[in-house]
């Protein structure tokens, strides 16, 4: 499971669940973040309206754990959209 959670509000902006890791997981995550959540939930038989999960835009900043997939070329292309990527040091 890969998730993107807003640090201020604790809102889950998107997620991906699957057996694939690495960049494939991140691609699915980004797709999920920008997807229409009403339509997404409808696929699983869950009825919501836009006020319940109103999130279809990428965040301005990603803070990552410096995993291999976060420092690769594919993920770093998000900076072309004006998104800041902050890779934390291991602790």
PDB file of N, CA and C in Angstrom:
ATOM      1  N   UNK A   1       0.846  -1.166   0.000  1.00  0.00           N
ATOM      2  CA  UNK A   1       0.000   0.000   0.000  1.00  0.00           C
ATOM      3  C   UNK A   1       0.898   1.237   0.000  1.00  0.00           C
ATOM      4  N   UNK A   2       0.554   2.182  -0.845  1.00  0.00           N
ATOM      5  CA  UNK A   2       1.224   3.467  -0.888  1.00  0.00           C
ATOM      6  C   UNK A   2       0.146   4.520  -0.711  1.00  0.00           C
ATOM      7  N   UNK A   3       0.374   5.460   0.183  1.00  0.00           N
ATOM      8  CA  UNK A   3      -0.637   6.481   0.457  1.00  0.00           C
ATOM      9  C   UNK A   3      -0.011   7.863   0.465  1.00  0.00           C
ATOM     10  N   UNK A   4      -0.834   8.848   0.159  1.00  0.00           N
ATOM     11  CA  UNK A   4      -0.442  10.251   0.231  1.00  0.00           C
ATOM     12  C   UNK A   4      -1.398  10.924   1.207  1.00  0.00           C
ATOM     13  N   UNK A   5      -0.852  11.395   2.317  1.00  0.00           N
ATOM     14  CA  UNK A   5      -1.658  11.988   3.378  1.00  0.00           C
ATOM     15  C   UNK A   5      -1.220  13.425   3.599  1.00  0.00           C
ATOM     16  N   UNK A   6      -2.186  14.329   3.655  1.00  0.00           N
ATOM     17  CA  UNK A   6      -1.895  15.728   3.921  1.00  0.00           C
ATOM     18  C   UNK A   6      -1.442  15.880   5.374  1.00  0.00           C
ATOM     19  N   UNK A   7      -0.273  16.473   5.576  1.00  0.00           N
ATOM     20  CA  UNK A   7       0.290  16.605   6.924  1.00  0.00           C
ATOM     21  C   UNK A   7      -0.525  17.545   7.805  1.00  0.00           C
ATOM     22  N   UNK A   8      -1.186  18.529   7.227  1.00  0.00           N
ATOM     23  CA  UNK A   8      -1.934  19.509   8.016  1.00  0.00           C
ATOM     24  C   UNK A   8      -3.298  18.975   8.440  1.00  0.00           C
ATOM     25  N   UNK A   9      -4.062  18.447   7.489  1.00  0.00           N
ATOM     26  CA  UNK A   9      -5.430  18.023   7.781  1.00  0.00           C
ATOM     27  C   UNK A   9      -5.569  16.530   8.057  1.00  0.00           C
ATOM     28  N   UNK A  10      -4.543  15.739   7.758  1.00  0.00           N
ATOM     29  CA  UNK A  10      -4.559  14.279   7.860  1.00  0.00           C
ATOM     30  C   UNK A  10      -5.504  13.627   6.855  1.00  0.00           C
ATOM     31  N   UNK A  11      -5.930  14.379   5.832  1.00  0.00           N
ATOM     32  CA  UNK A  11      -6.792  13.824   4.792  1.00  0.00           C
ATOM     33  C   UNK A  11      -5.978  12.927   3.876  1.00  0.00           C
ATOM     34  N   UNK A  12      -6.513  11.768   3.578  1.00  0.00           N
ATOM     35  CA  UNK A  12      -5.898  10.893   2.597  1.00  0.00           C
ATOM     36  C   UNK A  12      -6.204  11.472   1.223  1.00  0.00           C
ATOM     37  N   UNK A  13      -5.162  11.908   0.514  1.00  0.00           N
ATOM     38  CA  UNK A  13      -5.344  12.486  -0.812  1.00  0.00           C
ATOM     39  C   UNK A  13      -5.474  11.416  -1.874  1.00  0.00           C
ATOM     40  N   UNK A  14      -4.914  10.252  -1.622  1.00  0.00           N
ATOM     41  CA  UNK A  14      -4.989   9.147  -2.555  1.00  0.00           C
ATOM     42  C   UNK A  14      -4.195   7.962  -2.047  1.00  0.00           C
ATOM     43  N   UNK A  15      -4.374   6.825  -2.702  1.00  0.00           N
ATOM     44  CA  UNK A  15      -3.682   5.612  -2.288  1.00  0.00           C
ATOM     45  C   UNK A  15      -3.568   4.664  -3.468  1.00  0.00           C
ATOM     46  N   UNK A  16      -2.720   3.689  -3.340  1.00  0.00           N
ATOM     47  CA  UNK A  16      -2.672   2.574  -4.291  1.00  0.00           C
ATOM     48  C   UNK A  16      -2.391   1.312  -3.490  1.00  0.00           C
ATOM     49  N   UNK A  17      -3.058   0.254  -3.886  1.00  0.00           N
ATOM     50  CA  UNK A  17      -2.878  -1.041  -3.241  1.00  0.00           C
ATOM     51  C   UNK A  17      -2.579  -2.044  -4.337  1.00  0.00           C
ATOM     52  N   UNK A  18      -1.523  -2.799  -4.169  1.00  0.00           N
ATOM     53  CA  UNK A  18      -1.191  -3.794  -5.176  1.00  0.00           C
ATOM     54  C   UNK A  18       0.078  -4.533  -4.821  1.00  0.00           C
ATOM     55  N   UNK A  19       0.388  -5.505  -5.648  1.00  0.00           N
ATOM     56  CA  UNK A  19       1.579  -6.312  -5.427  1.00  0.00           C
ATOM     57  C   UNK A  19       2.801  -5.705  -6.093  1.00  0.00           C
ATOM     58  N   UNK A  20       2.579  -4.744  -6.973  1.00  0.00           N
ATOM     59  CA  UNK A  20       3.696  -4.076  -7.632  1.00  0.00           C
ATOM     60  C   UNK A  20       4.244  -2.999  -6.723  1.00  0.00           C
ATOM     61  N   UNK A  21       5.516  -2.875  -6.676  1.00  0.00           N
ATOM     62  CA  UNK A  21       6.138  -1.817  -5.897  1.00  0.00           C
ATOM     63  C   UNK A  21       6.810  -0.819  -6.822  1.00  0.00           C
ATOM     64  N   UNK A  22       7.645  -0.005  -6.263  1.00  0.00           N
ATOM     65  CA  UNK A  22       8.434   0.924  -7.055  1.00  0.00           C
ATOM     66  C   UNK A  22       7.616   1.957  -7.786  1.00  0.00           C
ATOM     67  N   UNK A  23       8.059   2.294  -8.973  1.00  0.00           N
ATOM     68  CA  UNK A  23       7.447   3.381  -9.731  1.00  0.00           C
ATOM     69  C   UNK A  23       6.030   3.043 -10.159  1.00  0.00           C
ATOM     70  N   UNK A  24       5.707   1.776 -10.391  1.00  0.00           N
ATOM     71  CA  UNK A  24       4.333   1.396 -10.756  1.00  0.00           C
ATOM     72  C   UNK A  24       3.364   1.765  -9.648  1.00  0.00           C
ATOM     73  N   UNK A  25       3.761   1.549  -8.419  1.00  0.00           N
ATOM     74  CA  UNK A  25       2.925   1.909  -7.277  1.00  0.00           C
ATOM     75  C   UNK A  25       2.718   3.424  -7.211  1.00  0.00           C
ATOM     76  N   UNK A  26       3.779   4.176  -7.485  1.00  0.00           N
ATOM     77  CA  UNK A  26       3.670   5.638  -7.462  1.00  0.00           C
ATOM     78  C   UNK A  26       2.823   6.165  -8.609  1.00  0.00           C
ATOM     79  N   UNK A  27       2.899   5.529  -9.771  1.00  0.00           N
ATOM     80  CA  UNK A  27       2.045   5.936 -10.886  1.00  0.00           C
ATOM     81  C   UNK A  27       0.574   5.744 -10.533  1.00  0.00           C
ATOM     82  N   UNK A  28       0.262   4.618  -9.922  1.00  0.00           N
ATOM     83  CA  UNK A  28      -1.116   4.371  -9.503  1.00  0.00           C
ATOM     84  C   UNK A  28      -1.541   5.355  -8.414  1.00  0.00           C
ATOM     85  N   UNK A  29      -0.618   5.702  -7.534  1.00  0.00           N
ATOM     86  CA  UNK A  29      -0.920   6.674  -6.485  1.00  0.00           C
ATOM     87  C   UNK A  29      -1.278   8.023  -7.081  1.00  0.00           C
ATOM     88  N   UNK A  30      -0.466   8.514  -7.998  1.00  0.00           N
ATOM     89  CA  UNK A  30      -0.725   9.818  -8.613  1.00  0.00           C
ATOM     90  C   UNK A  30      -2.039   9.783  -9.391  1.00  0.00           C
ATOM     91  N   UNK A  31      -2.299   8.678 -10.106  1.00  0.00           N
ATOM     92  CA  UNK A  31      -3.580   8.539 -10.806  1.00  0.00           C
ATOM     93  C   UNK A  31      -4.745   8.622  -9.833  1.00  0.00           C
ATOM     94  N   UNK A  32      -4.594   7.973  -8.678  1.00  0.00           N
ATOM     95  CA  UNK A  32      -5.657   7.978  -7.683  1.00  0.00           C
ATOM     96  C   UNK A  32      -5.851   9.355  -7.068  1.00  0.00           C
ATOM     97  N   UNK A  33      -4.769  10.082  -6.843  1.00  0.00           N
ATOM     98  CA  UNK A  33      -4.874  11.418  -6.249  1.00  0.00           C
ATOM     99  C   UNK A  33      -5.719  12.328  -7.135  1.00  0.00           C
ATOM    100  N   UNK A  34      -5.499  12.281  -8.437  1.00  0.00           N
ATOM    101  CA  UNK A  34      -6.206  13.198  -9.340  1.00  0.00           C
ATOM    102  C   UNK A  34      -7.538  12.649  -9.837  1.00  0.00           C
ATOM    103  N   UNK A  35      -7.906  11.442  -9.433  1.00  0.00           N
ATOM    104  CA  UNK A  35      -9.154  10.847  -9.910  1.00  0.00           C
ATOM    105  C   UNK A  35     -10.363  11.451  -9.205  1.00  0.00           C
ATOM    106  N   UNK A  36     -11.505  11.300  -9.825  1.00  0.00           N
ATOM    107  CA  UNK A  36     -12.777  11.716  -9.245  1.00  0.00           C
ATOM    108  C   UNK A  36     -13.147  10.696  -8.166  1.00  0.00           C
ATOM    109  N   UNK A  37     -13.146  11.114  -6.922  1.00  0.00           N
ATOM    110  CA  UNK A  37     -13.356  10.182  -5.809  1.00  0.00           C
ATOM    111  C   UNK A  37     -14.787   9.659  -5.747  1.00  0.00           C
ATOM    112  N   UNK A  38     -15.765  10.439  -6.209  1.00  0.00           N
ATOM    113  CA  UNK A  38     -17.151   9.973  -6.243  1.00  0.00           C
ATOM    114  C   UNK A  38     -17.253   8.773  -7.176  1.00  0.00           C
ATOM    115  N   UNK A  39     -16.649   8.881  -8.359  1.00  0.00           N
ATOM    116  CA  UNK A  39     -16.664   7.776  -9.324  1.00  0.00           C
ATOM    117  C   UNK A  39     -15.850   6.590  -8.815  1.00  0.00           C
ATOM    118  N   UNK A  40     -14.722   6.871  -8.181  1.00  0.00           N
ATOM    119  CA  UNK A  40     -13.883   5.806  -7.635  1.00  0.00           C
ATOM    120  C   UNK A  40     -14.662   4.989  -6.601  1.00  0.00           C
ATOM    121  N   UNK A  41     -15.292   5.655  -5.671  1.00  0.00           N
ATOM    122  CA  UNK A  41     -16.038   4.954  -4.624  1.00  0.00           C
ATOM    123  C   UNK A  41     -17.240   4.212  -5.188  1.00  0.00           C
ATOM    124  N   UNK A  42     -17.847   4.773  -6.233  1.00  0.00           N
ATOM    125  CA  UNK A  42     -19.008   4.134  -6.860  1.00  0.00           C
ATOM    126  C   UNK A  42     -18.642   2.759  -7.400  1.00  0.00           C
ATOM    127  N   UNK A  43     -17.398   2.610  -7.901  1.00  0.00           N
ATOM    128  CA  UNK A  43     -16.944   1.315  -8.413  1.00  0.00           C
ATOM    129  C   UNK A  43     -16.968   0.240  -7.339  1.00  0.00           C
ATOM    130  N   UNK A  44     -16.818   0.654  -6.077  1.00  0.00           N
ATOM    131  CA  UNK A  44     -16.787  -0.292  -4.966  1.00  0.00           C
ATOM    132  C   UNK A  44     -18.106  -0.330  -4.195  1.00  0.00           C
ATOM    133  N   UNK A  45     -19.149   0.281  -4.770  1.00  0.00           N
ATOM    134  CA  UNK A  45     -20.467   0.257  -4.141  1.00  0.00           C
ATOM    135  C   UNK A  45     -20.601   1.208  -2.966  1.00  0.00           C
ATOM    136  N   UNK A  46     -19.749   2.225  -2.920  1.00  0.00           N
ATOM    137  CA  UNK A  46     -19.784   3.201  -1.823  1.00  0.00           C
ATOM    138  C   UNK A  46     -20.301   4.519  -2.375  1.00  0.00           C
ATOM    139  N   UNK A  47     -21.342   5.034  -1.794  1.00  0.00           N
ATOM    140  CA  UNK A  47     -21.920   6.290  -2.250  1.00  0.00           C
ATOM    141  C   UNK A  47     -21.414   7.467  -1.433  1.00  0.00           C
ATOM    142  N   UNK A  48     -20.717   8.382  -2.080  1.00  0.00           N
ATOM    143  CA  UNK A  48     -20.276   9.610  -1.430  1.00  0.00           C
ATOM    144  C   UNK A  48     -20.602  10.772  -2.351  1.00  0.00           C
ATOM    145  N   UNK A  49     -20.508  11.978  -1.829  1.00  0.00           N
ATOM    146  CA  UNK A  49     -20.614  13.157  -2.685  1.00  0.00           C
ATOM    147  C   UNK A  49     -19.293  13.913  -2.610  1.00  0.00           C
ATOM    148  N   UNK A  50     -19.144  14.944  -3.408  1.00  0.00           N
ATOM    149  CA  UNK A  50     -17.871  15.672  -3.471  1.00  0.00           C
ATOM    150  C   UNK A  50     -17.448  16.261  -2.135  1.00  0.00           C
ATOM    151  N   UNK A  51     -18.389  16.621  -1.284  1.00  0.00           N
ATOM    152  CA  UNK A  51     -18.040  17.197   0.013  1.00  0.00           C
ATOM    153  C   UNK A  51     -17.397  16.176   0.948  1.00  0.00           C
ATOM    154  N   UNK A  52     -17.651  14.895   0.721  1.00  0.00           N
ATOM    155  CA  UNK A  52     -17.087  13.852   1.582  1.00  0.00           C
ATOM    156  C   UNK A  52     -15.596  13.638   1.345  1.00  0.00           C
ATOM    157  N   UNK A  53     -15.155  13.752   0.091  1.00  0.00           N
ATOM    158  CA  UNK A  53     -13.741  13.506  -0.242  1.00  0.00           C
ATOM    159  C   UNK A  53     -13.401  14.358  -1.452  1.00  0.00           C
ATOM    160  N   UNK A  54     -13.321  15.645  -1.243  1.00  0.00           N
ATOM    161  CA  UNK A  54     -13.101  16.600  -2.321  1.00  0.00           C
ATOM    162  C   UNK A  54     -11.606  16.808  -2.548  1.00  0.00           C
ATOM    163  N   UNK A  55     -11.021  15.926  -3.302  1.00  0.00           N
ATOM    164  CA  UNK A  55      -9.581  16.003  -3.559  1.00  0.00           C
ATOM    165  C   UNK A  55      -9.295  15.437  -4.938  1.00  0.00           C
ATOM    166  N   UNK A  56      -8.927  16.302  -5.870  1.00  0.00           N
ATOM    167  CA  UNK A  56      -8.578  15.841  -7.217  1.00  0.00           C
ATOM    168  C   UNK A  56      -7.344  16.561  -7.755  1.00  0.00           C
ATOM    169  N   UNK A  57      -6.584  17.185  -6.880  1.00  0.00           N
ATOM    170  CA  UNK A  57      -5.407  17.932  -7.319  1.00  0.00           C
ATOM    171  C   UNK A  57      -4.157  17.408  -6.611  1.00  0.00           C
ATOM    172  N   UNK A  58      -3.039  17.497  -7.307  1.00  0.00           N
ATOM    173  CA  UNK A  58      -1.777  17.090  -6.704  1.00  0.00           C
ATOM    174  C   UNK A  58      -1.356  18.094  -5.637  1.00  0.00           C
ATOM    175  N   UNK A  59      -0.689  17.631  -4.584  1.00  0.00           N
ATOM    176  CA  UNK A  59      -0.202  18.561  -3.565  1.00  0.00           C
ATOM    177  C   UNK A  59       0.956  19.406  -4.105  1.00  0.00           C
ATOM    178  N   UNK A  60       1.251  20.487  -3.428  1.00  0.00           N
ATOM    179  CA  UNK A  60       2.354  21.362  -3.832  1.00  0.00           C
ATOM    180  C   UNK A  60       3.710  20.782  -3.449  1.00  0.00           C
ATOM    181  N   UNK A  61       3.698  19.869  -2.472  1.00  0.00           N
ATOM    182  CA  UNK A  61       4.962  19.314  -1.990  1.00  0.00           C
ATOM    183  C   UNK A  61       4.763  17.851  -1.595  1.00  0.00           C
ATOM    184  N   UNK A  62       5.694  17.005  -2.008  1.00  0.00           N
ATOM    185  CA  UNK A  62       5.748  15.620  -1.556  1.00  0.00           C
ATOM    186  C   UNK A  62       6.931  15.496  -0.619  1.00  0.00           C
ATOM    187  N   UNK A  63       6.700  14.944   0.560  1.00  0.00           N
ATOM    188  CA  UNK A  63       7.781  14.641   1.493  1.00  0.00           C
ATOM    189  C   UNK A  63       7.902  13.126   1.525  1.00  0.00           C
ATOM    190  N   UNK A  64       9.060  12.619   1.126  1.00  0.00           N
ATOM    191  CA  UNK A  64       9.226  11.177   0.969  1.00  0.00           C
ATOM    192  C   UNK A  64      10.304  10.639   1.907  1.00  0.00           C
ATOM    193  N   UNK A  65      10.381   9.316   1.958  1.00  0.00           N
ATOM    194  CA  UNK A  65      11.378   8.657   2.814  1.00  0.00           C
ATOM    195  C   UNK A  65      12.661   8.331   2.060  1.00  0.00           C
ATOM    196  N   UNK A  66      12.877   8.963   0.914  1.00  0.00           N
ATOM    197  CA  UNK A  66      14.071   8.784   0.100  1.00  0.00           C
ATOM    198  C   UNK A  66      14.203   7.360  -0.434  1.00  0.00           C
ATOM    199  N   UNK A  67      13.049   6.727  -0.637  1.00  0.00           N
ATOM    200  CA  UNK A  67      13.068   5.406  -1.255  1.00  0.00           C
ATOM    201  C   UNK A  67      13.539   5.496  -2.696  1.00  0.00           C
ATOM    202  N   UNK A  68      14.005   4.396  -3.217  1.00  0.00           N
ATOM    203  CA  UNK A  68      14.565   4.345  -4.568  1.00  0.00           C
ATOM    204  C   UNK A  68      13.594   4.905  -5.615  1.00  0.00           C
ATOM    205  N   UNK A  69      12.322   4.588  -5.470  1.00  0.00           N
ATOM    206  CA  UNK A  69      11.348   5.043  -6.465  1.00  0.00           C
ATOM    207  C   UNK A  69      11.091   6.552  -6.406  1.00  0.00           C
ATOM    208  N   UNK A  70      11.343   7.172  -5.256  1.00  0.00           N
ATOM    209  CA  UNK A  70      11.099   8.613  -5.112  1.00  0.00           C
ATOM    210  C   UNK A  70      12.238   9.475  -5.656  1.00  0.00           C
ATOM    211  N   UNK A  71      13.399   8.897  -5.823  1.00  0.00           N
ATOM    212  CA  UNK A  71      14.523   9.693  -6.315  1.00  0.00           C
ATOM    213  C   UNK A  71      14.849   9.379  -7.765  1.00  0.00           C
ATOM    214  N   UNK A  72      14.019   8.540  -8.399  1.00  0.00           N
ATOM    215  CA  UNK A  72      14.235   8.198  -9.799  1.00  0.00           C
ATOM    216  C   UNK A  72      13.738   9.302 -10.732  1.00  0.00           C
ATOM    217  N   UNK A  73      14.066   9.148 -11.990  1.00  0.00           N
ATOM    218  CA  UNK A  73      13.726  10.138 -13.018  1.00  0.00           C
ATOM    219  C   UNK A  73      12.214  10.296 -13.203  1.00  0.00           C
ATOM    220  N   UNK A  74      11.477   9.196 -13.169  1.00  0.00           N
ATOM    221  CA  UNK A  74      10.032   9.270 -13.416  1.00  0.00           C
ATOM    222  C   UNK A  74       9.310  10.122 -12.380  1.00  0.00           C
ATOM    223  N   UNK A  75       9.577   9.887 -11.114  1.00  0.00           N
ATOM    224  CA  UNK A  75       8.901  10.639 -10.057  1.00  0.00           C
ATOM    225  C   UNK A  75       9.362  12.091 -10.041  1.00  0.00           C
ATOM    226  N   UNK A  76      10.630  12.320 -10.340  1.00  0.00           N
ATOM    227  CA  UNK A  76      11.154  13.684 -10.305  1.00  0.00           C
ATOM    228  C   UNK A  76      10.567  14.557 -11.415  1.00  0.00           C
ATOM    229  N   UNK A  77       9.924  13.964 -12.412  1.00  0.00           N
ATOM    230  CA  UNK A  77       9.262  14.743 -13.458  1.00  0.00           C
ATOM    231  C   UNK A  77       8.116  15.580 -12.904  1.00  0.00           C
ATOM    232  N   UNK A  78       7.632  15.248 -11.725  1.00  0.00           N
ATOM    233  CA  UNK A  78       6.583  16.057 -11.093  1.00  0.00           C
ATOM    234  C   UNK A  78       7.071  17.480 -10.821  1.00  0.00           C
ATOM    235  N   UNK A  79       8.373  17.653 -10.684  1.00  0.00           N
ATOM    236  CA  UNK A  79       8.895  19.001 -10.451  1.00  0.00           C
ATOM    237  C   UNK A  79       8.662  19.899 -11.668  1.00  0.00           C
ATOM    238  N   UNK A  80       8.493  19.305 -12.843  1.00  0.00           N
ATOM    239  CA  UNK A  80       8.168  20.087 -14.039  1.00  0.00           C
ATOM    240  C   UNK A  80       6.792  20.743 -13.911  1.00  0.00           C
ATOM    241  N   UNK A  81       5.952  20.206 -13.036  1.00  0.00           N
ATOM    242  CA  UNK A  81       4.616  20.762 -12.789  1.00  0.00           C
ATOM    243  C   UNK A  81       4.627  21.763 -11.643  1.00  0.00           C
ATOM    244  N   UNK A  82       5.813  22.035 -11.101  1.00  0.00           N
ATOM    245  CA  UNK A  82       5.924  22.979  -9.996  1.00  0.00           C
ATOM    246  C   UNK A  82       5.782  22.350  -8.628  1.00  0.00           C
ATOM    247  N   UNK A  83       5.830  21.035  -8.561  1.00  0.00           N
ATOM    248  CA  UNK A  83       5.701  20.324  -7.286  1.00  0.00           C
ATOM    249  C   UNK A  83       7.092  20.144  -6.691  1.00  0.00           C
ATOM    250  N   UNK A  84       7.218  20.471  -5.417  1.00  0.00           N
ATOM    251  CA  UNK A  84       8.486  20.308  -4.714  1.00  0.00           C
ATOM    252  C   UNK A  84       8.561  18.902  -4.119  1.00  0.00           C
ATOM    253  N   UNK A  85       9.689  18.256  -4.279  1.00  0.00           N
ATOM    254  CA  UNK A  85       9.915  16.927  -3.706  1.00  0.00           C
ATOM    255  C   UNK A  85      11.001  17.048  -2.660  1.00  0.00           C
ATOM    256  N   UNK A  86      10.661  16.732  -1.439  1.00  0.00           N
ATOM    257  CA  UNK A  86      11.598  16.807  -0.322  1.00  0.00           C
ATOM    258  C   UNK A  86      11.863  15.380   0.156  1.00  0.00           C
ATOM    259  N   UNK A  87      13.096  14.913  -0.026  1.00  0.00           N
ATOM    260  CA  UNK A  87      13.479  13.574   0.408  1.00  0.00           C
ATOM    261  C   UNK A  87      14.137  13.672   1.777  1.00  0.00           C
ATOM    262  N   UNK A  88      13.504  13.090   2.776  1.00  0.00           N
ATOM    263  CA  UNK A  88      14.042  13.127   4.147  1.00  0.00           C
ATOM    264  C   UNK A  88      15.266  12.243   4.265  1.00  0.00           C
ATOM    265  N   UNK A  89      16.147  12.619   5.140  1.00  0.00           N
ATOM    266  CA  UNK A  89      17.321  11.801   5.444  1.00  0.00           C
ATOM    267  C   UNK A  89      16.900  10.643   6.328  1.00  0.00           C
ATOM    268  N   UNK A  90      17.578   9.493   6.200  1.00  0.00           N
ATOM    269  CA  UNK A  90      17.252   8.369   7.092  1.00  0.00           C
ATOM    270  C   UNK A  90      17.586   8.716   8.537  1.00  0.00           C
ATOM    271  N   UNK A  91      16.804   8.161   9.456  1.00  0.00           N
ATOM    272  CA  UNK A  91      17.080   8.406  10.877  1.00  0.00           C
ATOM    273  C   UNK A  91      16.969   7.151  11.674  1.00  0.00           C
TER     274      UNK A  91
END
